[in-house]
Structures are given as C-alpha cells and as structure tokens.
N, C-alpha and C. Protein backbone atom coordinates (compact mmCIF):
# COMPACT_ATOMS: atom_id res chain seq x y z
N MET A 1 83.75 -93.74 115.36
CA MET A 1 82.74 -92.69 115.10
C MET A 1 82.99 -91.30 114.38
N MET A 2 84.32 -90.91 114.63
CA MET A 2 84.73 -89.75 113.94
C MET A 2 84.97 -89.99 112.51
N GLN A 3 85.47 -91.13 112.16
CA GLN A 3 85.42 -91.63 110.67
C GLN A 3 84.25 -91.62 110.06
N GLU A 4 83.28 -92.06 110.65
CA GLU A 4 81.78 -92.32 110.06
C GLU A 4 81.34 -90.56 109.87
N VAL A 5 81.53 -89.94 110.73
CA VAL A 5 81.16 -88.48 110.65
C VAL A 5 81.82 -87.89 109.38
N GLU A 6 83.07 -88.14 109.24
CA GLU A 6 83.95 -87.68 108.08
C GLU A 6 83.15 -88.12 106.68
N HIS A 7 83.06 -89.37 106.77
CA HIS A 7 82.42 -90.15 105.50
C HIS A 7 81.11 -89.50 105.33
N LYS A 8 80.35 -89.31 106.23
CA LYS A 8 79.02 -88.67 106.14
C LYS A 8 79.07 -87.29 105.41
N LYS A 9 80.12 -86.47 106.06
CA LYS A 9 80.27 -85.14 105.47
C LYS A 9 80.58 -85.04 104.00
N GLU A 10 81.60 -86.17 103.59
CA GLU A 10 82.01 -86.21 102.32
C GLU A 10 80.77 -86.50 101.37
N LEU A 11 80.03 -87.51 101.79
CA LEU A 11 78.75 -87.89 101.04
C LEU A 11 77.78 -86.67 100.87
N MET A 12 77.82 -85.90 101.86
CA MET A 12 76.80 -84.74 101.74
C MET A 12 77.39 -83.56 100.96
N GLN A 13 78.72 -83.61 100.94
CA GLN A 13 79.31 -82.67 100.03
C GLN A 13 79.26 -82.95 98.56
N LEU A 14 79.31 -84.25 98.30
CA LEU A 14 79.27 -84.85 97.11
C LEU A 14 77.80 -84.76 96.39
N GLU A 15 76.93 -84.95 97.38
CA GLU A 15 75.47 -84.88 96.99
C GLU A 15 74.96 -83.45 96.64
N PHE A 16 75.56 -82.53 97.44
CA PHE A 16 75.52 -81.14 97.28
C PHE A 16 75.93 -80.62 95.83
N GLN A 17 77.26 -81.05 95.44
CA GLN A 17 77.75 -80.89 94.16
C GLN A 17 76.94 -81.40 92.91
N MET A 18 76.45 -82.56 93.28
CA MET A 18 75.63 -83.27 92.17
C MET A 18 74.36 -82.29 91.94
N ASN A 19 73.78 -82.07 93.17
CA ASN A 19 72.70 -81.28 92.85
C ASN A 19 72.56 -80.02 92.44
N MET A 20 73.81 -79.21 92.63
CA MET A 20 74.19 -77.94 91.94
C MET A 20 74.40 -78.34 90.32
N GLN A 21 75.08 -79.34 90.08
CA GLN A 21 75.20 -79.69 88.75
C GLN A 21 73.99 -79.85 88.01
N LEU A 22 73.02 -80.58 88.56
CA LEU A 22 71.81 -80.88 88.00
C LEU A 22 70.87 -79.57 87.93
N LYS A 23 71.03 -78.74 88.87
CA LYS A 23 70.37 -77.42 88.81
C LYS A 23 70.84 -76.61 87.68
N GLY A 24 72.31 -76.56 87.51
CA GLY A 24 72.69 -75.89 86.42
C GLY A 24 72.19 -76.40 84.96
N VAL A 25 72.24 -77.78 84.89
CA VAL A 25 71.82 -78.37 83.81
C VAL A 25 70.26 -77.87 83.24
N ASP A 26 69.35 -78.00 84.38
CA ASP A 26 67.84 -77.68 84.32
C ASP A 26 67.94 -76.23 83.93
N ASP A 27 68.67 -75.42 84.56
CA ASP A 27 68.65 -73.87 84.07
C ASP A 27 68.96 -73.69 82.67
N LYS A 28 69.93 -74.33 82.21
CA LYS A 28 70.46 -74.16 80.74
C LYS A 28 69.39 -74.76 79.88
N THR A 29 68.75 -75.99 80.18
CA THR A 29 67.84 -76.41 79.37
C THR A 29 66.70 -75.55 79.32
N LEU A 30 66.22 -74.93 80.39
CA LEU A 30 65.12 -73.84 80.24
C LEU A 30 65.40 -72.59 79.53
N LYS A 31 66.56 -72.25 79.70
CA LYS A 31 67.25 -71.14 79.04
C LYS A 31 67.10 -71.18 77.44
N ASN A 32 67.61 -72.53 77.07
CA ASN A 32 67.73 -72.76 75.67
C ASN A 32 66.18 -72.97 75.03
N LYS A 33 65.30 -73.64 75.83
CA LYS A 33 63.98 -73.68 75.33
C LYS A 33 63.27 -72.49 75.20
N GLU A 34 63.53 -71.58 76.09
CA GLU A 34 63.08 -70.08 76.10
C GLU A 34 63.61 -69.38 74.91
N LYS A 35 64.85 -69.46 74.56
CA LYS A 35 65.58 -68.89 73.28
C LYS A 35 64.94 -69.44 72.13
N GLU A 36 64.73 -70.78 72.10
CA GLU A 36 64.30 -71.47 70.98
C GLU A 36 62.88 -70.88 70.55
N LYS A 37 62.11 -70.76 71.55
CA LYS A 37 60.62 -70.17 71.39
C LYS A 37 60.61 -68.76 71.01
N GLU A 38 61.59 -67.85 71.61
CA GLU A 38 61.73 -66.60 71.05
C GLU A 38 62.10 -66.54 69.52
N ASP A 39 63.05 -67.24 69.23
CA ASP A 39 63.58 -67.30 67.88
C ASP A 39 62.65 -67.66 66.95
N ARG A 40 61.73 -68.60 67.14
CA ARG A 40 60.69 -69.00 66.30
C ARG A 40 59.59 -67.95 66.17
N LYS A 41 59.22 -67.18 67.29
CA LYS A 41 58.56 -66.11 67.35
C LYS A 41 59.03 -64.98 66.48
N ASP A 42 60.30 -64.67 66.65
CA ASP A 42 60.84 -63.62 65.81
C ASP A 42 60.68 -63.87 64.29
N GLU A 43 61.02 -65.21 63.90
CA GLU A 43 60.94 -65.74 62.64
C GLU A 43 59.41 -65.53 62.10
N ARG A 44 58.56 -65.87 62.90
CA ARG A 44 57.18 -65.88 62.40
C ARG A 44 56.65 -64.17 62.41
N THR A 45 57.22 -63.29 63.11
CA THR A 45 57.04 -61.82 63.13
C THR A 45 57.58 -61.41 61.72
N ARG A 46 58.91 -61.79 61.49
CA ARG A 46 59.46 -61.28 60.40
C ARG A 46 58.80 -61.85 59.14
N ILE A 47 58.15 -62.89 59.02
CA ILE A 47 57.40 -63.42 57.75
C ILE A 47 56.29 -62.52 57.67
N GLN A 48 55.58 -62.45 58.83
CA GLN A 48 54.32 -61.72 58.86
C GLN A 48 54.50 -60.16 58.34
N ALA A 49 55.71 -59.51 58.84
CA ALA A 49 55.91 -58.18 58.30
C ALA A 49 56.22 -58.12 56.90
N SER A 50 57.01 -59.13 56.27
CA SER A 50 57.18 -59.16 54.98
C SER A 50 55.83 -59.26 54.24
N GLN A 51 55.11 -60.32 54.70
CA GLN A 51 53.78 -60.37 54.08
C GLN A 51 52.87 -59.13 54.10
N GLN A 52 52.96 -58.49 55.09
CA GLN A 52 52.11 -57.26 55.22
C GLN A 52 52.69 -56.15 54.19
N SER A 53 53.84 -56.12 54.00
CA SER A 53 54.59 -55.27 53.27
C SER A 53 54.30 -55.54 51.73
N GLU A 54 54.23 -56.66 51.46
CA GLU A 54 53.84 -57.16 50.06
C GLU A 54 52.44 -56.89 49.78
N LEU A 55 51.30 -57.09 50.80
CA LEU A 55 49.91 -56.79 50.76
C LEU A 55 49.80 -55.31 50.47
N ILE A 56 50.59 -54.37 51.34
CA ILE A 56 50.37 -53.07 51.08
C ILE A 56 50.85 -52.74 49.52
N ASP A 57 51.75 -53.25 49.14
CA ASP A 57 52.31 -52.79 47.82
C ASP A 57 51.24 -53.33 46.82
N GLN A 58 50.73 -54.45 46.86
CA GLN A 58 49.75 -55.08 46.11
C GLN A 58 48.54 -54.06 46.09
N ARG A 59 48.08 -53.70 47.25
CA ARG A 59 46.98 -52.81 47.29
C ARG A 59 47.15 -51.39 46.58
N LYS A 60 48.47 -50.83 46.77
CA LYS A 60 48.91 -49.65 46.09
C LYS A 60 48.99 -49.60 44.62
N GLY A 61 49.30 -50.85 44.22
CA GLY A 61 49.60 -51.06 42.82
C GLY A 61 48.45 -51.67 41.95
N ASP A 62 47.28 -51.86 42.61
CA ASP A 62 46.25 -52.80 42.04
C ASP A 62 46.73 -54.00 41.39
N LYS A 63 47.55 -54.62 42.11
CA LYS A 63 48.16 -55.98 41.59
C LYS A 63 47.12 -57.24 41.97
N PRO A 64 47.21 -58.38 41.24
CA PRO A 64 46.43 -59.48 41.65
C PRO A 64 46.76 -60.08 42.99
N PRO A 65 45.98 -60.89 43.56
CA PRO A 65 46.19 -61.50 45.09
C PRO A 65 47.38 -62.31 44.78
N LYS A 66 48.23 -62.25 45.88
CA LYS A 66 49.48 -62.97 46.04
C LYS A 66 49.09 -64.28 46.89
N ASN A 67 49.54 -65.46 46.47
CA ASN A 67 49.46 -66.68 47.35
C ASN A 67 50.70 -66.70 48.29
N PHE A 68 50.55 -66.85 49.60
CA PHE A 68 51.57 -66.82 50.30
C PHE A 68 52.01 -68.34 50.84
N GLU A 69 51.22 -69.32 50.25
CA GLU A 69 51.34 -70.66 50.69
C GLU A 69 52.53 -71.17 50.09
N SER A 70 52.97 -72.23 50.47
CA SER A 70 54.18 -73.02 49.90
C SER A 70 54.03 -73.33 48.40
N ALA A 71 54.99 -73.36 47.92
CA ALA A 71 55.12 -73.66 46.31
C ALA A 71 54.97 -75.25 46.08
N GLY A 72 54.89 -76.05 47.25
CA GLY A 72 54.81 -77.46 47.10
C GLY A 72 56.13 -78.10 47.01
N ASN A 73 57.22 -77.35 47.29
CA ASN A 73 58.57 -78.00 47.53
C ASN A 73 58.82 -78.68 48.72
N ASP A 74 57.98 -78.54 49.69
CA ASP A 74 58.01 -79.00 50.92
C ASP A 74 57.39 -80.42 51.03
N ILE A 75 56.76 -80.90 50.02
CA ILE A 75 56.00 -82.05 50.06
C ILE A 75 56.87 -83.25 48.91
N LEU A 76 57.14 -84.18 49.71
CA LEU A 76 57.65 -85.45 48.97
C LEU A 76 56.76 -86.04 47.96
N GLY A 77 57.19 -86.39 46.86
CA GLY A 77 56.40 -87.04 45.95
C GLY A 77 56.90 -87.24 44.64
N GLY A 78 56.39 -88.22 43.97
CA GLY A 78 56.87 -88.47 42.46
C GLY A 78 58.20 -88.80 42.49
N GLY A 79 59.17 -87.93 42.22
CA GLY A 79 60.55 -88.28 41.55
C GLY A 79 61.43 -89.21 42.23
N PHE A 80 60.99 -90.18 43.09
CA PHE A 80 61.90 -91.02 43.69
C PHE A 80 61.71 -92.52 43.10
N ASN A 81 62.75 -92.97 42.49
CA ASN A 81 62.73 -94.28 42.06
C ASN A 81 63.04 -95.30 42.89
N LEU A 82 62.03 -95.87 43.50
CA LEU A 82 62.30 -97.03 44.69
C LEU A 82 62.29 -98.47 44.12
N GLY A 83 62.39 -98.46 42.76
CA GLY A 83 62.43 -99.66 42.14
C GLY A 83 63.50 -100.66 42.58
N ALA A 84 64.54 -100.29 42.97
CA ALA A 84 65.71 -101.12 43.48
C ALA A 84 65.39 -101.92 44.77
N PHE A 85 64.18 -101.44 45.40
CA PHE A 85 64.00 -102.05 46.66
C PHE A 85 62.82 -102.94 46.47
N ASP A 86 62.29 -103.35 45.30
CA ASP A 86 61.30 -104.20 45.05
C ASP A 86 61.78 -105.61 45.27
N PRO A 87 60.86 -106.49 45.88
CA PRO A 87 61.12 -107.93 46.03
C PRO A 87 61.54 -108.60 44.78
N ARG A 88 62.56 -109.48 44.60
CA ARG A 88 63.02 -110.24 43.44
C ARG A 88 62.27 -111.54 43.34
C-alpha cells in the first residue's frame, strides 16, 4: 500500500512538472506573438511617419504627387526561363 502511495506521489510530481513546462511554453508563445504584433505595428507607424514627412515636403515645395505604392519589384513575372522543365 505504501509503495502504491509513493508511486502515485511520483506520478503527481511528474504531472505537475510537465504542466509547468507546458505553461511556460504557452506563456513564451504568447509573449512572442505579442512582440511580433508590436514590431509590425512599429514598422507601419515608421512607414506612415516617413510618408507624412514626404507629403509635407511635397506641399511646401509645390512638387507633383508621389506614388507610395510598390515599384512592382514584389511581383514575380517575366524573367524566369522555365523551358528546361517542358516535357520532351
């Protein structure tokens, strides 16, 4: 009977340790998720501030409108020669 009690204590201790490890992993994952969210927000704010500065400069200097959209470098197209993969 005492041996059974000892085994049960060991199992409970092991279960407790595993639950604590899982809690730590969950906390770390949540913290990383929040950090990533804040980093993206900071980057958007930085871009917005830069664009605002350029718009103010544009207004003060009577310059033509500036296009803030991508220059198209992020779109795949054209220059890939995939002929080597054609069936023979």
